[in-house]
PDB file of N, CA and C in Angstrom:
ATOM      1  N   UNK A   1      71.427   2.378  33.354  1.00  0.00           N
ATOM      2  CA  UNK A   1      72.465   2.799  33.835  1.00  0.00           C
ATOM      3  C   UNK A   1      73.255   4.609  32.802  1.00  0.00           C
ATOM      4  N   UNK A   2      73.451   5.237  33.205  1.00  0.00           N
ATOM      5  CA  UNK A   2      73.795   6.388  32.861  1.00  0.00           C
ATOM      6  C   UNK A   2      75.605   6.233  33.634  1.00  0.00           C
ATOM      7  N   UNK A   3      76.324   6.412  32.957  1.00  0.00           N
ATOM      8  CA  UNK A   3      77.915   6.280  33.446  1.00  0.00           C
ATOM      9  C   UNK A   3      78.818   7.077  33.005  1.00  0.00           C
ATOM     10  N   UNK A   4      79.412   8.510  34.003  1.00  0.00           N
ATOM     11  CA  UNK A   4      79.931   9.566  32.946  1.00  0.00           C
ATOM     12  C   UNK A   4      81.247   9.908  34.120  1.00  0.00           C
ATOM     13  N   UNK A   5      82.296  10.223  33.584  1.00  0.00           N
ATOM     14  CA  UNK A   5      83.523  10.955  34.278  1.00  0.00           C
ATOM     15  C   UNK A   5      83.012  12.198  34.123  1.00  0.00           C
ATOM     16  N   UNK A   6      83.278  12.762  35.705  1.00  0.00           N
ATOM     17  CA  UNK A   6      83.304  14.016  35.972  1.00  0.00           C
ATOM     18  C   UNK A   6      84.283  15.058  35.854  1.00  0.00           C
ATOM     19  N   UNK A   7      84.512  16.296  35.991  1.00  0.00           N
ATOM     20  CA  UNK A   7      85.216  17.081  35.090  1.00  0.00           C
ATOM     21  C   UNK A   7      87.211  16.469  36.225  1.00  0.00           C
ATOM     22  N   UNK A   8      86.780  16.087  37.356  1.00  0.00           N
ATOM     23  CA  UNK A   8      87.729  15.715  38.167  1.00  0.00           C
ATOM     24  C   UNK A   8      88.244  14.599  38.104  1.00  0.00           C
ATOM     25  N   UNK A   9      87.688  13.949  37.034  1.00  0.00           N
ATOM     26  CA  UNK A   9      88.293  12.296  36.684  1.00  0.00           C
ATOM     27  C   UNK A   9      87.472  11.288  37.557  1.00  0.00           C
ATOM     28  N   UNK A  10      86.601  11.441  38.658  1.00  0.00           N
ATOM     29  CA  UNK A  10      86.073  10.517  38.703  1.00  0.00           C
ATOM     30  C   UNK A  10      84.747   9.803  38.098  1.00  0.00           C
ATOM     31  N   UNK A  11      84.576   8.725  38.093  1.00  0.00           N
ATOM     32  CA  UNK A  11      83.390   8.308  37.577  1.00  0.00           C
ATOM     33  C   UNK A  11      82.048   7.965  38.415  1.00  0.00           C
ATOM     34  N   UNK A  12      81.049   8.172  37.831  1.00  0.00           N
ATOM     35  CA  UNK A  12      79.688   8.019  38.221  1.00  0.00           C
ATOM     36  C   UNK A  12      78.779   7.441  37.704  1.00  0.00           C
ATOM     37  N   UNK A  13      77.889   7.038  38.262  1.00  0.00           N
ATOM     38  CA  UNK A  13      76.703   5.902  37.899  1.00  0.00           C
ATOM     39  C   UNK A  13      75.443   6.814  38.625  1.00  0.00           C
ATOM     40  N   UNK A  14      74.322   6.916  37.195  1.00  0.00           N
ATOM     41  CA  UNK A  14      73.071   7.287  37.800  1.00  0.00           C
ATOM     42  C   UNK A  14      72.068   6.421  37.154  1.00  0.00           C
ATOM     43  N   UNK A  15      71.058   6.069  37.812  1.00  0.00           N
ATOM     44  CA  UNK A  15      69.857   5.506  37.428  1.00  0.00           C
ATOM     45  C   UNK A  15      69.220   6.233  36.531  1.00  0.00           C
ATOM     46  N   UNK A  16      68.898   5.706  35.310  1.00  0.00           N
ATOM     47  CA  UNK A  16      68.062   6.303  34.192  1.00  0.00           C
ATOM     48  C   UNK A  16      66.464   5.135  33.912  1.00  0.00           C
ATOM     49  N   UNK A  17      65.445   6.143  33.460  1.00  0.00           N
ATOM     50  CA  UNK A  17      64.843   5.437  32.526  1.00  0.00           C
ATOM     51  C   UNK A  17      64.851   6.041  31.389  1.00  0.00           C
ATOM     52  N   UNK A  18      64.057   5.071  30.609  1.00  0.00           N
ATOM     53  CA  UNK A  18      64.249   5.476  29.679  1.00  0.00           C
ATOM     54  C   UNK A  18      62.556   6.063  28.860  1.00  0.00           C
ATOM     55  N   UNK A  19      62.466   7.171  28.214  1.00  0.00           N
ATOM     56  CA  UNK A  19      61.265   7.967  28.018  1.00  0.00           C
ATOM     57  C   UNK A  19      60.912   8.073  26.229  1.00  0.00           C
ATOM     58  N   UNK A  20      59.876   8.912  26.152  1.00  0.00           N
ATOM     59  CA  UNK A  20      59.842   9.240  24.692  1.00  0.00           C
ATOM     60  C   UNK A  20      60.628   8.833  24.025  1.00  0.00           C
ATOM     61  N   UNK A  21      60.937   8.148  22.660  1.00  0.00           N
ATOM     62  CA  UNK A  21      61.888   8.092  21.916  1.00  0.00           C
ATOM     63  C   UNK A  21      63.201   7.957  22.183  1.00  0.00           C
ATOM     64  N   UNK A  22      63.009   6.883  23.306  1.00  0.00           N
ATOM     65  CA  UNK A  22      64.427   6.167  23.715  1.00  0.00           C
ATOM     66  C   UNK A  22      65.123   7.416  24.497  1.00  0.00           C
ATOM     67  N   UNK A  23      64.614   8.357  24.497  1.00  0.00           N
ATOM     68  CA  UNK A  23      65.433   9.174  25.373  1.00  0.00           C
ATOM     69  C   UNK A  23      65.714   8.454  27.045  1.00  0.00           C
ATOM     70  N   UNK A  24      66.944   9.306  27.693  1.00  0.00           N
ATOM     71  CA  UNK A  24      67.366   8.772  28.733  1.00  0.00           C
ATOM     72  C   UNK A  24      66.404  10.008  29.931  1.00  0.00           C
ATOM     73  N   UNK A  25      65.988   9.524  31.618  1.00  0.00           N
ATOM     74  CA  UNK A  25      65.491  10.303  32.130  1.00  0.00           C
ATOM     75  C   UNK A  25      66.012  10.057  33.650  1.00  0.00           C
ATOM     76  N   UNK A  26      66.896  11.049  34.377  1.00  0.00           N
ATOM     77  CA  UNK A  26      67.133  10.574  35.787  1.00  0.00           C
ATOM     78  C   UNK A  26      66.973  12.226  36.412  1.00  0.00           C
ATOM     79  N   UNK A  27      66.407  11.505  37.831  1.00  0.00           N
ATOM     80  CA  UNK A  27      66.180  12.626  38.845  1.00  0.00           C
ATOM     81  C   UNK A  27      67.351  12.310  39.703  1.00  0.00           C
ATOM     82  N   UNK A  28      67.966  13.285  40.035  1.00  0.00           N
ATOM     83  CA  UNK A  28      69.454  13.785  40.831  1.00  0.00           C
ATOM     84  C   UNK A  28      69.362  14.724  41.878  1.00  0.00           C
ATOM     85  N   UNK A  29      70.174  14.643  42.826  1.00  0.00           N
ATOM     86  CA  UNK A  29      71.046  15.417  43.558  1.00  0.00           C
ATOM     87  C   UNK A  29      72.297  15.651  43.411  1.00  0.00           C
ATOM     88  N   UNK A  30      72.718  16.964  44.300  1.00  0.00           N
ATOM     89  CA  UNK A  30      74.246  17.204  44.180  1.00  0.00           C
ATOM     90  C   UNK A  30      74.465  17.293  45.343  1.00  0.00           C
ATOM     91  N   UNK A  31      75.850  18.248  45.726  1.00  0.00           N
ATOM     92  CA  UNK A  31      76.218  18.522  46.924  1.00  0.00           C
ATOM     93  C   UNK A  31      75.703  20.099  47.108  1.00  0.00           C
ATOM     94  N   UNK A  32      74.713  20.806  46.159  1.00  0.00           N
ATOM     95  CA  UNK A  32      74.359  22.031  46.308  1.00  0.00           C
ATOM     96  C   UNK A  32      73.060  22.117  46.500  1.00  0.00           C
ATOM     97  N   UNK A  33      72.232  21.004  46.409  1.00  0.00           N
ATOM     98  CA  UNK A  33      71.183  20.246  46.372  1.00  0.00           C
ATOM     99  C   UNK A  33      70.285  21.038  47.885  1.00  0.00           C
ATOM    100  N   UNK A  34      69.375  22.057  47.444  1.00  0.00           N
ATOM    101  CA  UNK A  34      68.827  22.291  48.782  1.00  0.00           C
ATOM    102  C   UNK A  34      69.790  23.611  50.395  1.00  0.00           C
ATOM    103  N   UNK A  35      71.097  23.700  49.267  1.00  0.00           N
ATOM    104  CA  UNK A  35      72.046  24.711  50.468  1.00  0.00           C
ATOM    105  C   UNK A  35      72.589  26.115  49.319  1.00  0.00           C
ATOM    106  N   UNK A  36      73.228  26.285  50.204  1.00  0.00           N
ATOM    107  CA  UNK A  36      74.031  27.715  49.327  1.00  0.00           C
ATOM    108  C   UNK A  36      75.662  27.121  49.946  1.00  0.00           C
ATOM    109  N   UNK A  37      76.664  28.183  49.150  1.00  0.00           N
ATOM    110  CA  UNK A  37      78.087  27.608  49.326  1.00  0.00           C
ATOM    111  C   UNK A  37      78.173  27.545  50.725  1.00  0.00           C
ATOM    112  N   UNK A  38      77.224  28.638  51.868  1.00  0.00           N
ATOM    113  CA  UNK A  38      77.269  29.202  53.110  1.00  0.00           C
ATOM    114  C   UNK A  38      76.907  28.723  54.234  1.00  0.00           C
ATOM    115  N   UNK A  39      75.951  27.726  53.295  1.00  0.00           N
ATOM    116  CA  UNK A  39      75.321  26.610  54.688  1.00  0.00           C
ATOM    117  C   UNK A  39      74.272  26.535  53.735  1.00  0.00           C
ATOM    118  N   UNK A  40      72.746  25.931  54.397  1.00  0.00           N
ATOM    119  CA  UNK A  40      71.517  25.593  54.073  1.00  0.00           C
ATOM    120  C   UNK A  40      70.664  26.495  53.274  1.00  0.00           C
ATOM    121  N   UNK A  41      71.008  28.196  53.337  1.00  0.00           N
ATOM    122  CA  UNK A  41      70.047  29.116  52.811  1.00  0.00           C
ATOM    123  C   UNK A  41      70.996  30.317  52.568  1.00  0.00           C
ATOM    124  N   UNK A  42      70.731  30.921  51.428  1.00  0.00           N
ATOM    125  CA  UNK A  42      71.119  32.157  51.520  1.00  0.00           C
ATOM    126  C   UNK A  42      70.890  33.703  52.322  1.00  0.00           C
ATOM    127  N   UNK A  43      71.189  34.511  52.367  1.00  0.00           N
ATOM    128  CA  UNK A  43      70.701  35.780  53.119  1.00  0.00           C
ATOM    129  C   UNK A  43      69.063  35.921  53.317  1.00  0.00           C
ATOM    130  N   UNK A  44      68.500  35.542  52.494  1.00  0.00           N
ATOM    131  CA  UNK A  44      66.711  35.972  52.301  1.00  0.00           C
ATOM    132  C   UNK A  44      66.289  34.168  52.757  1.00  0.00           C
ATOM    133  N   UNK A  45      67.596  33.624  53.260  1.00  0.00           N
ATOM    134  CA  UNK A  45      66.749  32.149  53.040  1.00  0.00           C
ATOM    135  C   UNK A  45      66.183  31.355  52.352  1.00  0.00           C
ATOM    136  N   UNK A  46      66.785  31.613  51.026  1.00  0.00           N
ATOM    137  CA  UNK A  46      66.085  30.334  50.106  1.00  0.00           C
ATOM    138  C   UNK A  46      67.604  29.858  50.160  1.00  0.00           C
ATOM    139  N   UNK A  47      67.259  28.220  49.480  1.00  0.00           N
ATOM    140  CA  UNK A  47      68.494  27.587  48.926  1.00  0.00           C
ATOM    141  C   UNK A  47      68.996  27.396  47.907  1.00  0.00           C
ATOM    142  N   UNK A  48      70.149  27.563  47.471  1.00  0.00           N
ATOM    143  CA  UNK A  48      70.935  27.705  46.252  1.00  0.00           C
ATOM    144  C   UNK A  48      70.747  26.840  45.086  1.00  0.00           C
ATOM    145  N   UNK A  49      69.763  25.738  45.432  1.00  0.00           N
ATOM    146  CA  UNK A  49      69.337  24.557  44.737  1.00  0.00           C
ATOM    147  C   UNK A  49      68.540  24.184  45.279  1.00  0.00           C
ATOM    148  N   UNK A  50      67.073  23.815  44.512  1.00  0.00           N
ATOM    149  CA  UNK A  50      66.349  22.888  44.965  1.00  0.00           C
ATOM    150  C   UNK A  50      66.624  21.389  45.205  1.00  0.00           C
ATOM    151  N   UNK A  51      65.758  20.819  46.243  1.00  0.00           N
ATOM    152  CA  UNK A  51      65.740  19.297  46.784  1.00  0.00           C
ATOM    153  C   UNK A  51      66.551  18.113  45.558  1.00  0.00           C
ATOM    154  N   UNK A  52      66.279  18.821  44.490  1.00  0.00           N
ATOM    155  CA  UNK A  52      66.673  17.208  43.198  1.00  0.00           C
ATOM    156  C   UNK A  52      66.207  18.258  42.031  1.00  0.00           C
ATOM    157  N   UNK A  53      67.178  17.826  41.104  1.00  0.00           N
ATOM    158  CA  UNK A  53      66.548  17.994  39.540  1.00  0.00           C
ATOM    159  C   UNK A  53      66.312  16.749  38.456  1.00  0.00           C
ATOM    160  N   UNK A  54      65.773  17.402  37.108  1.00  0.00           N
ATOM    161  CA  UNK A  54      65.841  16.528  36.281  1.00  0.00           C
ATOM    162  C   UNK A  54      66.923  16.608  35.096  1.00  0.00           C
ATOM    163  N   UNK A  55      67.549  15.167  35.029  1.00  0.00           N
ATOM    164  CA  UNK A  55      67.962  15.247  33.710  1.00  0.00           C
ATOM    165  C   UNK A  55      67.760  14.458  32.383  1.00  0.00           C
ATOM    166  N   UNK A  56      67.505  14.967  31.334  1.00  0.00           N
ATOM    167  CA  UNK A  56      67.077  14.214  30.144  1.00  0.00           C
ATOM    168  C   UNK A  56      67.668  14.422  28.880  1.00  0.00           C
ATOM    169  N   UNK A  57      68.343  13.309  28.349  1.00  0.00           N
ATOM    170  CA  UNK A  57      69.867  12.983  27.411  1.00  0.00           C
ATOM    171  C   UNK A  57      68.246  12.856  26.197  1.00  0.00           C
ATOM    172  N   UNK A  58      69.350  13.003  24.766  1.00  0.00           N
ATOM    173  CA  UNK A  58      68.481  12.280  23.956  1.00  0.00           C
ATOM    174  C   UNK A  58      68.440  10.575  23.632  1.00  0.00           C
ATOM    175  N   UNK A  59      68.354  10.012  23.471  1.00  0.00           N
ATOM    176  CA  UNK A  59      68.099   8.739  23.263  1.00  0.00           C
ATOM    177  C   UNK A  59      69.634   7.902  22.607  1.00  0.00           C
ATOM    178  N   UNK A  60      70.487   7.282  23.250  1.00  0.00           N
ATOM    179  CA  UNK A  60      71.936   6.552  23.068  1.00  0.00           C
ATOM    180  C   UNK A  60      71.613   6.150  21.657  1.00  0.00           C
ATOM    181  N   UNK A  61      73.378   6.433  20.964  1.00  0.00           N
ATOM    182  CA  UNK A  61      73.419   6.055  19.508  1.00  0.00           C
ATOM    183  C   UNK A  61      73.397   4.837  19.355  1.00  0.00           C
ATOM    184  N   UNK A  62      73.732   4.306  18.195  1.00  0.00           N
ATOM    185  CA  UNK A  62      74.105   2.442  17.888  1.00  0.00           C
ATOM    186  C   UNK A  62      74.925   2.531  18.863  1.00  0.00           C
ATOM    187  N   UNK A  63      75.677   3.029  19.231  1.00  0.00           N
ATOM    188  CA  UNK A  63      77.093   2.268  20.368  1.00  0.00           C
ATOM    189  C   UNK A  63      77.091   2.554  21.418  1.00  0.00           C
ATOM    190  N   UNK A  64      75.602   2.958  22.018  1.00  0.00           N
ATOM    191  CA  UNK A  64      75.272   3.045  23.522  1.00  0.00           C
ATOM    192  C   UNK A  64      75.276   4.106  23.998  1.00  0.00           C
ATOM    193  N   UNK A  65      76.498   5.132  23.403  1.00  0.00           N
ATOM    194  CA  UNK A  65      76.770   6.550  23.843  1.00  0.00           C
ATOM    195  C   UNK A  65      75.681   7.434  23.972  1.00  0.00           C
ATOM    196  N   UNK A  66      75.789   8.713  24.435  1.00  0.00           N
ATOM    197  CA  UNK A  66      74.931   9.599  24.594  1.00  0.00           C
ATOM    198  C   UNK A  66      75.706  10.955  25.261  1.00  0.00           C
ATOM    199  N   UNK A  67      75.395  11.859  24.692  1.00  0.00           N
ATOM    200  CA  UNK A  67      75.799  13.370  24.530  1.00  0.00           C
ATOM    201  C   UNK A  67      74.816  13.903  26.644  1.00  0.00           C
ATOM    202  N   UNK A  68      75.839  14.442  27.602  1.00  0.00           N
ATOM    203  CA  UNK A  68      74.815  14.473  28.576  1.00  0.00           C
ATOM    204  C   UNK A  68      75.443  16.082  28.461  1.00  0.00           C
ATOM    205  N   UNK A  69      74.617  16.786  28.488  1.00  0.00           N
ATOM    206  CA  UNK A  69      74.634  18.520  28.387  1.00  0.00           C
ATOM    207  C   UNK A  69      73.820  18.593  29.972  1.00  0.00           C
ATOM    208  N   UNK A  70      75.142  19.221  30.950  1.00  0.00           N
ATOM    209  CA  UNK A  70      74.418  19.622  32.313  1.00  0.00           C
ATOM    210  C   UNK A  70      73.750  20.708  32.392  1.00  0.00           C
ATOM    211  N   UNK A  71      74.211  21.871  31.397  1.00  0.00           N
ATOM    212  CA  UNK A  71      73.132  22.926  31.631  1.00  0.00           C
ATOM    213  C   UNK A  71      71.746  22.489  31.233  1.00  0.00           C
ATOM    214  N   UNK A  72      71.403  21.467  30.745  1.00  0.00           N
ATOM    215  CA  UNK A  72      70.076  21.269  30.872  1.00  0.00           C
ATOM    216  C   UNK A  72      69.131  20.594  31.389  1.00  0.00           C
ATOM    217  N   UNK A  73      69.925  20.389  32.467  1.00  0.00           N
ATOM    218  CA  UNK A  73      69.122  20.035  34.073  1.00  0.00           C
ATOM    219  C   UNK A  73      68.007  21.044  34.470  1.00  0.00           C
ATOM    220  N   UNK A  74      66.809  20.651  34.690  1.00  0.00           N
ATOM    221  CA  UNK A  74      65.685  21.001  34.849  1.00  0.00           C
ATOM    222  C   UNK A  74      64.706  20.991  36.238  1.00  0.00           C
ATOM    223  N   UNK A  75      64.147  21.926  36.504  1.00  0.00           N
ATOM    224  CA  UNK A  75      63.930  22.032  37.977  1.00  0.00           C
ATOM    225  C   UNK A  75      62.209  21.186  37.964  1.00  0.00           C
ATOM    226  N   UNK A  76      61.962  20.179  38.644  1.00  0.00           N
ATOM    227  CA  UNK A  76      60.898  19.417  38.445  1.00  0.00           C
ATOM    228  C   UNK A  76      59.406  20.260  38.667  1.00  0.00           C
ATOM    229  N   UNK A  77      58.409  19.440  38.233  1.00  0.00           N
ATOM    230  CA  UNK A  77      57.164  20.655  38.183  1.00  0.00           C
ATOM    231  C   UNK A  77      57.003  20.802  39.768  1.00  0.00           C
ATOM    232  N   UNK A  78      57.552  20.109  40.766  1.00  0.00           N
ATOM    233  CA  UNK A  78      57.123  20.335  42.340  1.00  0.00           C
ATOM    234  C   UNK A  78      57.541  21.648  42.706  1.00  0.00           C
ATOM    235  N   UNK A  79      58.777  22.148  42.047  1.00  0.00           N
ATOM    236  CA  UNK A  79      59.121  23.274  42.249  1.00  0.00           C
ATOM    237  C   UNK A  79      58.345  24.128  41.908  1.00  0.00           C
ATOM    238  N   UNK A  80      57.904  24.157  40.950  1.00  0.00           N
ATOM    239  CA  UNK A  80      56.952  25.545  40.671  1.00  0.00           C
ATOM    240  C   UNK A  80      55.257  25.146  41.304  1.00  0.00           C
ATOM    241  N   UNK A  81      54.634  24.631  41.560  1.00  0.00           N
ATOM    242  CA  UNK A  81      53.574  24.124  42.039  1.00  0.00           C
ATOM    243  C   UNK A  81      53.335  23.168  43.567  1.00  0.00           C
ATOM    244  N   UNK A  82      53.127  23.096  44.610  1.00  0.00           N
ATOM    245  CA  UNK A  82      52.983  22.063  45.549  1.00  0.00           C
ATOM    246  C   UNK A  82      52.012  20.894  44.975  1.00  0.00           C
ATOM    247  N   UNK A  83      50.922  21.198  44.128  1.00  0.00           N
ATOM    248  CA  UNK A  83      50.046  20.304  43.256  1.00  0.00           C
ATOM    249  C   UNK A  83      50.579  19.192  42.791  1.00  0.00           C
ATOM    250  N   UNK A  84      51.628  19.492  42.420  1.00  0.00           N
ATOM    251  CA  UNK A  84      52.575  18.267  41.210  1.00  0.00           C
ATOM    252  C   UNK A  84      53.097  17.001  42.619  1.00  0.00           C
ATOM    253  N   UNK A  85      52.855  16.649  42.044  1.00  0.00           N
ATOM    254  CA  UNK A  85      54.135  14.971  42.750  1.00  0.00           C
ATOM    255  C   UNK A  85      55.156  15.045  41.976  1.00  0.00           C
ATOM    256  N   UNK A  86      56.468  14.675  42.690  1.00  0.00           N
ATOM    257  CA  UNK A  86      57.738  14.764  42.014  1.00  0.00           C
ATOM    258  C   UNK A  86      58.271  12.785  42.462  1.00  0.00           C
ATOM    259  N   UNK A  87      58.930  12.394  41.846  1.00  0.00           N
ATOM    260  CA  UNK A  87      59.642  11.682  42.688  1.00  0.00           C
ATOM    261  C   UNK A  87      60.936  11.902  43.138  1.00  0.00           C
ATOM    262  N   UNK A  88      61.740  11.300  43.939  1.00  0.00           N
ATOM    263  CA  UNK A  88      62.651  11.583  44.537  1.00  0.00           C
ATOM    264  C   UNK A  88      63.941  11.073  43.875  1.00  0.00           C
ATOM    265  N   UNK A  89      64.969  11.645  43.952  1.00  0.00           N
ATOM    266  CA  UNK A  89      66.036  10.840  43.356  1.00  0.00           C
ATOM    267  C   UNK A  89      66.216   9.010  44.170  1.00  0.00           C
ATOM    268  N   UNK A  90      66.969   8.323  43.281  1.00  0.00           N
ATOM    269  CA  UNK A  90      66.477   7.022  43.713  1.00  0.00           C
ATOM    270  C   UNK A  90      67.946   6.998  44.310  1.00  0.00           C
ATOM    271  N   UNK A  91      67.924   5.716  45.649  1.00  0.00           N
ATOM    272  CA  UNK A  91      69.553   5.963  46.059  1.00  0.00           C
ATOM    273  C   UNK A  91      70.839   5.696  44.904  1.00  0.00           C
ATOM    274  N   UNK A  92      71.535   6.603  45.279  1.00  0.00           N
ATOM    275  CA  UNK A  92      73.128   6.594  44.219  1.00  0.00           C
ATOM    276  C   UNK A  92      72.662   7.677  43.252  1.00  0.00           C
ATOM    277  N   UNK A  93      71.725   8.411  43.382  1.00  0.00           N
ATOM    278  CA  UNK A  93      71.760   9.042  42.295  1.00  0.00           C
ATOM    279  C   UNK A  93      72.256  10.706  43.187  1.00  0.00           C
ATOM    280  N   UNK A  94      72.562  10.584  43.932  1.00  0.00           N
ATOM    281  CA  UNK A  94      73.176  11.953  44.540  1.00  0.00           C
ATOM    282  C   UNK A  94      74.548  12.466  44.272  1.00  0.00           C
ATOM    283  N   UNK A  95      74.977  13.106  43.640  1.00  0.00           N
ATOM    284  CA  UNK A  95      76.644  13.321  43.109  1.00  0.00           C
ATOM    285  C   UNK A  95      76.796  14.185  44.405  1.00  0.00           C
ATOM    286  N   UNK A  96      78.626  13.548  44.569  1.00  0.00           N
ATOM    287  CA  UNK A  96      78.867  13.787  45.814  1.00  0.00           C
ATOM    288  C   UNK A  96      79.731  15.821  45.363  1.00  0.00           C
ATOM    289  N   UNK A  97      79.422  16.498  44.124  1.00  0.00           N
ATOM    290  CA  UNK A  97      80.569  17.296  43.864  1.00  0.00           C
ATOM    291  C   UNK A  97      78.984  18.377  43.462  1.00  0.00           C
ATOM    292  N   UNK A  98      79.828  19.741  43.882  1.00  0.00           N
ATOM    293  CA  UNK A  98      78.466  20.880  43.265  1.00  0.00           C
ATOM    294  C   UNK A  98      78.339  20.478  41.757  1.00  0.00           C
ATOM    295  N   UNK A  99      76.908  20.757  41.628  1.00  0.00           N
ATOM    296  CA  UNK A  99      77.116  20.708  39.887  1.00  0.00           C
ATOM    297  C   UNK A  99      75.895  22.120  39.965  1.00  0.00           C
ATOM    298  N   UNK A 100      76.587  22.944  39.554  1.00  0.00           N
ATOM    299  CA  UNK A 100      76.130  24.453  39.473  1.00  0.00           C
ATOM    300  C   UNK A 100      75.700  25.004  37.707  1.00  0.00           C
ATOM    301  N   UNK A 101      75.348  23.584  37.585  1.00  0.00           N
ATOM    302  CA  UNK A 101      74.905  24.506  35.831  1.00  0.00           C
ATOM    303  C   UNK A 101      73.413  23.768  35.887  1.00  0.00           C
ATOM    304  N   UNK A 102      72.545  24.326  34.870  1.00  0.00           N
ATOM    305  CA  UNK A 102      71.222  24.258  34.658  1.00  0.00           C
ATOM    306  C   UNK A 102      70.120  24.753  36.116  1.00  0.00           C
ATOM    307  N   UNK A 103      69.292  24.882  35.845  1.00  0.00           N
ATOM    308  CA  UNK A 103      68.144  25.299  36.887  1.00  0.00           C
ATOM    309  C   UNK A 103      68.313  24.993  38.048  1.00  0.00           C
ATOM    310  N   UNK A 104      68.606  26.124  38.769  1.00  0.00           N
ATOM    311  CA  UNK A 104      69.001  25.482  40.054  1.00  0.00           C
ATOM    312  C   UNK A 104      67.759  25.913  41.346  1.00  0.00           C
ATOM    313  N   UNK A 105      66.589  26.830  40.985  1.00  0.00           N
ATOM    314  CA  UNK A 105      66.004  27.152  41.793  1.00  0.00           C
ATOM    315  C   UNK A 105      65.034  28.518  41.240  1.00  0.00           C
ATOM    316  N   UNK A 106      64.018  28.863  41.495  1.00  0.00           N
ATOM    317  CA  UNK A 106      62.858  29.699  40.940  1.00  0.00           C
ATOM    318  C   UNK A 106      63.757  31.132  41.345  1.00  0.00           C
ATOM    319  N   UNK A 107      63.697  31.610  40.354  1.00  0.00           N
ATOM    320  CA  UNK A 107      64.002  33.114  40.406  1.00  0.00           C
ATOM    321  C   UNK A 107      62.945  33.801  41.439  1.00  0.00           C
ATOM    322  N   UNK A 108      63.642  34.546  42.391  1.00  0.00           N
ATOM    323  CA  UNK A 108      62.872  35.272  43.355  1.00  0.00           C
ATOM    324  C   UNK A 108      62.159  34.446  44.486  1.00  0.00           C
ATOM    325  N   UNK A 109      62.818  33.236  44.196  1.00  0.00           N
ATOM    326  CA  UNK A 109      62.338  32.110  45.423  1.00  0.00           C
ATOM    327  C   UNK A 109      63.254  31.474  46.308  1.00  0.00           C
TER     328      UNK A 109
END
């Protein structure tokens, strides 16, 4: 698990997996996933953010802490090509706030 405090002071926990080199990896969604601030899509019908995104961190330090850079959140491979299979966020990995950092949608899509 990866626990953190949001800018508004609320605590959140994400289920993560350990990947190569001990890094942490999470599949997550947030309040912007698949919608725009004005509804499910913008004037062109494009969602403001893909359905879910990936977060990868460095390996935790000796004290168990890790630096989370939300600007490094990426789109999953299935956002680029329908031939890729991608995992969905596990229960509890949907953040209740707008996460406007990181990759949100493909340019022009």
